[in-house]
Amino acid sequence: MGKIILHPPGTTREDIEEMRLMRNLEKTPNERIRLMFTLNIMAIMVKGGPLKLPQGKGIILKRKDS
């Protein structure tokens, strides 16, 4: 599963974003899709609904209303 990464206090937001982008680009498309499905499965188990809903401009994190 995922890892929690603790960054030093002096790390800028831009550096963190660049590190995340590089980690993401190292993965194959199949790995990215598998991680997305894993995240959705975890969201369904925890919240009872999918976490990611397409909205046209990226992905909106939203909890399904019961």
PDB file of N, CA and C in Angstrom:
ATOM      1  N   MET A   1       0.825  -1.176   0.000  1.00  0.00           N
ATOM      2  CA  MET A   1       0.000   0.000   0.000  1.00  0.00           C
ATOM      3  C   MET A   1       0.870   1.240   0.000  1.00  0.00           C
ATOM      4  N   GLY A   2       0.273   2.354   0.338  1.00  0.00           N
ATOM      5  CA  GLY A   2       0.990   3.615   0.320  1.00  0.00           C
ATOM      6  C   GLY A   2       1.904   3.787   1.506  1.00  0.00           C
ATOM      7  N   LYS A   3       2.725   4.807   1.412  1.00  0.00           N
ATOM      8  CA  LYS A   3       3.662   5.120   2.481  1.00  0.00           C
ATOM      9  C   LYS A   3       3.391   6.539   2.972  1.00  0.00           C
ATOM     10  N   ILE A   4       3.625   6.757   4.234  1.00  0.00           N
ATOM     11  CA  ILE A   4       3.562   8.110   4.776  1.00  0.00           C
ATOM     12  C   ILE A   4       4.978   8.664   4.731  1.00  0.00           C
ATOM     13  N   ILE A   5       5.128   9.806   4.087  1.00  0.00           N
ATOM     14  CA  ILE A   5       6.443  10.415   3.955  1.00  0.00           C
ATOM     15  C   ILE A   5       6.458  11.701   4.767  1.00  0.00           C
ATOM     16  N   LEU A   6       7.360  11.785   5.715  1.00  0.00           N
ATOM     17  CA  LEU A   6       7.522  12.987   6.518  1.00  0.00           C
ATOM     18  C   LEU A   6       8.679  13.795   5.936  1.00  0.00           C
ATOM     19  N   HIS A   7       8.385  15.007   5.523  1.00  0.00           N
ATOM     20  CA  HIS A   7       9.395  15.871   4.932  1.00  0.00           C
ATOM     21  C   HIS A   7       9.981  16.784   6.007  1.00  0.00           C
ATOM     22  N   PRO A   8      11.240  17.154   5.873  1.00  0.00           N
ATOM     23  CA  PRO A   8      11.834  18.091   6.833  1.00  0.00           C
ATOM     24  C   PRO A   8      11.094  19.429   6.805  1.00  0.00           C
ATOM     25  N   PRO A   9      11.073  20.160   7.912  1.00  0.00           N
ATOM     26  CA  PRO A   9      10.331  21.426   7.966  1.00  0.00           C
ATOM     27  C   PRO A   9      10.783  22.453   6.926  1.00  0.00           C
ATOM     28  N   GLY A  10      12.028  22.401   6.510  1.00  0.00           N
ATOM     29  CA  GLY A  10      12.531  23.395   5.556  1.00  0.00           C
ATOM     30  C   GLY A  10      12.198  23.099   4.105  1.00  0.00           C
ATOM     31  N   THR A  11      11.537  21.979   3.828  1.00  0.00           N
ATOM     32  CA  THR A  11      11.211  21.603   2.451  1.00  0.00           C
ATOM     33  C   THR A  11      10.065  22.465   1.941  1.00  0.00           C
ATOM     34  N   THR A  12      10.256  23.040   0.745  1.00  0.00           N
ATOM     35  CA  THR A  12       9.213  23.902   0.180  1.00  0.00           C
ATOM     36  C   THR A  12       8.134  23.068  -0.486  1.00  0.00           C
ATOM     37  N   ARG A  13       6.989  23.680  -0.683  1.00  0.00           N
ATOM     38  CA  ARG A  13       5.860  23.012  -1.330  1.00  0.00           C
ATOM     39  C   ARG A  13       6.222  22.594  -2.760  1.00  0.00           C
ATOM     40  N   GLU A  14       6.968  23.446  -3.453  1.00  0.00           N
ATOM     41  CA  GLU A  14       7.363  23.149  -4.823  1.00  0.00           C
ATOM     42  C   GLU A  14       8.258  21.909  -4.887  1.00  0.00           C
ATOM     43  N   ASP A  15       9.178  21.776  -3.911  1.00  0.00           N
ATOM     44  CA  ASP A  15      10.048  20.595  -3.867  1.00  0.00           C
ATOM     45  C   ASP A  15       9.241  19.322  -3.639  1.00  0.00           C
ATOM     46  N   ILE A  16       8.260  19.390  -2.749  1.00  0.00           N
ATOM     47  CA  ILE A  16       7.415  18.229  -2.465  1.00  0.00           C
ATOM     48  C   ILE A  16       6.619  17.841  -3.708  1.00  0.00           C
ATOM     49  N   GLU A  17       6.055  18.851  -4.406  1.00  0.00           N
ATOM     50  CA  GLU A  17       5.293  18.569  -5.621  1.00  0.00           C
ATOM     51  C   GLU A  17       6.182  17.945  -6.688  1.00  0.00           C
ATOM     52  N   GLU A  18       7.414  18.428  -6.821  1.00  0.00           N
ATOM     53  CA  GLU A  18       8.334  17.872  -7.806  1.00  0.00           C
ATOM     54  C   GLU A  18       8.694  16.424  -7.473  1.00  0.00           C
ATOM     55  N   MET A  19       8.919  16.126  -6.174  1.00  0.00           N
ATOM     56  CA  MET A  19       9.228  14.752  -5.766  1.00  0.00           C
ATOM     57  C   MET A  19       8.060  13.815  -6.060  1.00  0.00           C
ATOM     58  N   ARG A  20       6.823  14.278  -5.785  1.00  0.00           N
ATOM     59  CA  ARG A  20       5.637  13.461  -6.063  1.00  0.00           C
ATOM     60  C   ARG A  20       5.484  13.207  -7.554  1.00  0.00           C
ATOM     61  N   LEU A  21       5.725  14.240  -8.367  1.00  0.00           N
ATOM     62  CA  LEU A  21       5.621  14.083  -9.808  1.00  0.00           C
ATOM     63  C   LEU A  21       6.639  13.075 -10.318  1.00  0.00           C
ATOM     64  N   MET A  22       7.872  13.154  -9.836  1.00  0.00           N
ATOM     65  CA  MET A  22       8.905  12.219 -10.278  1.00  0.00           C
ATOM     66  C   MET A  22       8.564  10.785  -9.874  1.00  0.00           C
ATOM     67  N   ARG A  23       8.032  10.589  -8.657  1.00  0.00           N
ATOM     68  CA  ARG A  23       7.621   9.252  -8.222  1.00  0.00           C
ATOM     69  C   ARG A  23       6.495   8.726  -9.108  1.00  0.00           C
ATOM     70  N   ASN A  24       5.562   9.604  -9.469  1.00  0.00           N
ATOM     71  CA  ASN A  24       4.432   9.192 -10.295  1.00  0.00           C
ATOM     72  C   ASN A  24       4.896   8.836 -11.707  1.00  0.00           C
ATOM     73  N   LEU A  25       5.835   9.590 -12.264  1.00  0.00           N
ATOM     74  CA  LEU A  25       6.309   9.335 -13.621  1.00  0.00           C
ATOM     75  C   LEU A  25       7.133   8.054 -13.709  1.00  0.00           C
ATOM     76  N   GLU A  26       7.692   7.603 -12.575  1.00  0.00           N
ATOM     77  CA  GLU A  26       8.462   6.365 -12.567  1.00  0.00           C
ATOM     78  C   GLU A  26       7.569   5.136 -12.693  1.00  0.00           C
ATOM     79  N   LYS A  27       6.286   5.283 -12.375  1.00  0.00           N
ATOM     80  CA  LYS A  27       5.360   4.143 -12.422  1.00  0.00           C
ATOM     81  C   LYS A  27       4.866   3.928 -13.851  1.00  0.00           C
ATOM     82  N   THR A  28       4.572   2.678 -14.175  1.00  0.00           N
ATOM     83  CA  THR A  28       3.987   2.373 -15.475  1.00  0.00           C
ATOM     84  C   THR A  28       2.498   2.719 -15.444  1.00  0.00           C
ATOM     85  N   PRO A  29       1.873   2.898 -16.603  1.00  0.00           N
ATOM     86  CA  PRO A  29       0.428   3.181 -16.616  1.00  0.00           C
ATOM     87  C   PRO A  29      -0.387   2.110 -15.887  1.00  0.00           C
ATOM     88  N   ASN A  30       0.007   0.851 -16.004  1.00  0.00           N
ATOM     89  CA  ASN A  30      -0.731  -0.224 -15.313  1.00  0.00           C
ATOM     90  C   ASN A  30      -0.625  -0.059 -13.799  1.00  0.00           C
ATOM     91  N   GLU A  31       0.538   0.337 -13.297  1.00  0.00           N
ATOM     92  CA  GLU A  31       0.704   0.541 -11.853  1.00  0.00           C
ATOM     93  C   GLU A  31      -0.154   1.707 -11.377  1.00  0.00           C
ATOM     94  N   ARG A  32      -0.220   2.778 -12.175  1.00  0.00           N
ATOM     95  CA  ARG A  32      -1.042   3.939 -11.791  1.00  0.00           C
ATOM     96  C   ARG A  32      -2.521   3.562 -11.702  1.00  0.00           C
ATOM     97  N   ILE A  33      -2.998   2.777 -12.682  1.00  0.00           N
ATOM     98  CA  ILE A  33      -4.399   2.350 -12.673  1.00  0.00           C
ATOM     99  C   ILE A  33      -4.669   1.451 -11.470  1.00  0.00           C
ATOM    100  N   ARG A  34      -3.744   0.518 -11.183  1.00  0.00           N
ATOM    101  CA  ARG A  34      -3.918  -0.375 -10.034  1.00  0.00           C
ATOM    102  C   ARG A  34      -3.989   0.411  -8.728  1.00  0.00           C
ATOM    103  N   LEU A  35      -3.141   1.440  -8.604  1.00  0.00           N
ATOM    104  CA  LEU A  35      -3.167   2.267  -7.394  1.00  0.00           C
ATOM    105  C   LEU A  35      -4.481   3.036  -7.272  1.00  0.00           C
ATOM    106  N   MET A  36      -5.016   3.511  -8.412  1.00  0.00           N
ATOM    107  CA  MET A  36      -6.288   4.228  -8.371  1.00  0.00           C
ATOM    108  C   MET A  36      -7.408   3.297  -7.917  1.00  0.00           C
ATOM    109  N   PHE A  37      -7.432   2.061  -8.444  1.00  0.00           N
ATOM    110  CA  PHE A  37      -8.462   1.104  -8.018  1.00  0.00           C
ATOM    111  C   PHE A  37      -8.305   0.735  -6.543  1.00  0.00           C
ATOM    112  N   THR A  38      -7.072   0.608  -6.085  1.00  0.00           N
ATOM    113  CA  THR A  38      -6.831   0.314  -4.672  1.00  0.00           C
ATOM    114  C   THR A  38      -7.368   1.434  -3.799  1.00  0.00           C
ATOM    115  N   LEU A  39      -7.135   2.685  -4.216  1.00  0.00           N
ATOM    116  CA  LEU A  39      -7.638   3.834  -3.458  1.00  0.00           C
ATOM    117  C   LEU A  39      -9.156   3.831  -3.421  1.00  0.00           C
ATOM    118  N   ASN A  40      -9.797   3.518  -4.554  1.00  0.00           N
ATOM    119  CA  ASN A  40     -11.263   3.470  -4.583  1.00  0.00           C
ATOM    120  C   ASN A  40     -11.809   2.355  -3.704  1.00  0.00           C
ATOM    121  N   ILE A  41     -11.163   1.202  -3.695  1.00  0.00           N
ATOM    122  CA  ILE A  41     -11.608   0.092  -2.847  1.00  0.00           C
ATOM    123  C   ILE A  41     -11.509   0.480  -1.380  1.00  0.00           C
ATOM    124  N   MET A  42     -10.409   1.134  -1.004  1.00  0.00           N
ATOM    125  CA  MET A  42     -10.243   1.581   0.388  1.00  0.00           C
ATOM    126  C   MET A  42     -11.321   2.595   0.749  1.00  0.00           C
ATOM    127  N   ALA A  43     -11.646   3.508  -0.179  1.00  0.00           N
ATOM    128  CA  ALA A  43     -12.671   4.518   0.086  1.00  0.00           C
ATOM    129  C   ALA A  43     -14.035   3.875   0.276  1.00  0.00           C
ATOM    130  N   ILE A  44     -14.333   2.855  -0.507  1.00  0.00           N
ATOM    131  CA  ILE A  44     -15.622   2.169  -0.378  1.00  0.00           C
ATOM    132  C   ILE A  44     -15.711   1.472   0.976  1.00  0.00           C
ATOM    133  N   MET A  45     -14.609   0.849   1.403  1.00  0.00           N
ATOM    134  CA  MET A  45     -14.621   0.162   2.699  1.00  0.00           C
ATOM    135  C   MET A  45     -14.751   1.160   3.846  1.00  0.00           C
ATOM    136  N   VAL A  46     -14.093   2.310   3.742  1.00  0.00           N
ATOM    137  CA  VAL A  46     -14.078   3.269   4.850  1.00  0.00           C
ATOM    138  C   VAL A  46     -15.320   4.159   4.847  1.00  0.00           C
ATOM    139  N   LYS A  47     -15.674   4.696   3.677  1.00  0.00           N
ATOM    140  CA  LYS A  47     -16.745   5.697   3.627  1.00  0.00           C
ATOM    141  C   LYS A  47     -18.045   5.205   3.018  1.00  0.00           C
ATOM    142  N   GLY A  48     -18.018   4.049   2.393  1.00  0.00           N
ATOM    143  CA  GLY A  48     -19.244   3.536   1.801  1.00  0.00           C
ATOM    144  C   GLY A  48     -19.522   4.020   0.394  1.00  0.00           C
ATOM    145  N   GLY A  49     -18.576   4.670  -0.256  1.00  0.00           N
ATOM    146  CA  GLY A  49     -18.777   5.142  -1.623  1.00  0.00           C
ATOM    147  C   GLY A  49     -17.457   5.474  -2.272  1.00  0.00           C
ATOM    148  N   PRO A  50     -17.436   5.622  -3.608  1.00  0.00           N
ATOM    149  CA  PRO A  50     -16.183   5.917  -4.296  1.00  0.00           C
ATOM    150  C   PRO A  50     -15.641   7.285  -3.904  1.00  0.00           C
ATOM    151  N   LEU A  51     -14.328   7.391  -3.882  1.00  0.00           N
ATOM    152  CA  LEU A  51     -13.665   8.623  -3.484  1.00  0.00           C
ATOM    153  C   LEU A  51     -13.483   9.572  -4.656  1.00  0.00           C
ATOM    154  N   LYS A  52     -13.212   9.028  -5.837  1.00  0.00           N
ATOM    155  CA  LYS A  52     -12.907   9.868  -6.987  1.00  0.00           C
ATOM    156  C   LYS A  52     -14.099   9.908  -7.927  1.00  0.00           C
ATOM    157  N   LEU A  53     -14.521  11.110  -8.263  1.00  0.00           N
ATOM    158  CA  LEU A  53     -15.602  11.292  -9.217  1.00  0.00           C
ATOM    159  C   LEU A  53     -15.118  12.245 -10.303  1.00  0.00           C
ATOM    160  N   PRO A  54     -15.171  11.865 -11.585  1.00  0.00           N
ATOM    161  CA  PRO A  54     -14.707  12.761 -12.645  1.00  0.00           C
ATOM    162  C   PRO A  54     -15.613  13.985 -12.737  1.00  0.00           C
ATOM    163  N   GLN A  55     -15.017  15.175 -12.851  1.00  0.00           N
ATOM    164  CA  GLN A  55     -15.783  16.414 -12.926  1.00  0.00           C
ATOM    165  C   GLN A  55     -15.358  17.267 -14.128  1.00  0.00           C
ATOM    166  N   GLY A  56     -14.590  16.714 -15.047  1.00  0.00           N
ATOM    167  CA  GLY A  56     -14.186  17.475 -16.216  1.00  0.00           C
ATOM    168  C   GLY A  56     -12.829  18.140 -16.060  1.00  0.00           C
ATOM    169  N   LYS A  57     -12.544  18.727 -14.917  1.00  0.00           N
ATOM    170  CA  LYS A  57     -11.262  19.397 -14.678  1.00  0.00           C
ATOM    171  C   LYS A  57     -10.532  18.688 -13.556  1.00  0.00           C
ATOM    172  N   GLY A  58     -10.025  17.511 -13.810  1.00  0.00           N
ATOM    173  CA  GLY A  58      -9.301  16.786 -12.778  1.00  0.00           C
ATOM    174  C   GLY A  58     -10.249  15.899 -11.981  1.00  0.00           C
ATOM    175  N   ILE A  59      -9.880  15.669 -10.745  1.00  0.00           N
ATOM    176  CA  ILE A  59     -10.649  14.760  -9.902  1.00  0.00           C
ATOM    177  C   ILE A  59     -11.073  15.495  -8.627  1.00  0.00           C
ATOM    178  N   ILE A  60     -12.332  15.388  -8.302  1.00  0.00           N
ATOM    179  CA  ILE A  60     -12.887  16.014  -7.102  1.00  0.00           C
ATOM    180  C   ILE A  60     -13.028  14.928  -6.041  1.00  0.00           C
ATOM    181  N   LEU A  61     -12.481  15.175  -4.852  1.00  0.00           N
ATOM    182  CA  LEU A  61     -12.634  14.240  -3.747  1.00  0.00           C
ATOM    183  C   LEU A  61     -13.956  14.543  -3.059  1.00  0.00           C
ATOM    184  N   LYS A  62     -14.853  13.570  -3.041  1.00  0.00           N
ATOM    185  CA  LYS A  62     -16.182  13.798  -2.509  1.00  0.00           C
ATOM    186  C   LYS A  62     -16.732  12.520  -1.910  1.00  0.00           C
ATOM    187  N   ARG A  63     -17.426  12.663  -0.822  1.00  0.00           N
ATOM    188  CA  ARG A  63     -18.090  11.522  -0.180  1.00  0.00           C
ATOM    189  C   ARG A  63     -19.513  11.429  -0.684  1.00  0.00           C
ATOM    190  N   LYS A  64     -19.945  10.213  -1.035  1.00  0.00           N
ATOM    191  CA  LYS A  64     -21.293  10.009  -1.550  1.00  0.00           C
ATOM    192  C   LYS A  64     -22.299  10.201  -0.410  1.00  0.00           C
ATOM    193  N   ASP A  65     -23.324  11.032  -0.661  1.00  0.00           N
ATOM    194  CA  ASP A  65     -24.351  11.277   0.350  1.00  0.00           C
ATOM    195  C   ASP A  65     -25.275  10.084   0.457  1.00  0.00           C
ATOM    196  N   SER A  66     -25.605   9.731   1.685  1.00  0.00           N
ATOM    197  CA  SER A  66     -26.501   8.575   1.911  1.00  0.00           C
ATOM    198  C   SER A  66     -27.920   9.036   2.063  1.00  0.00           C
TER     199      SER A  66
END
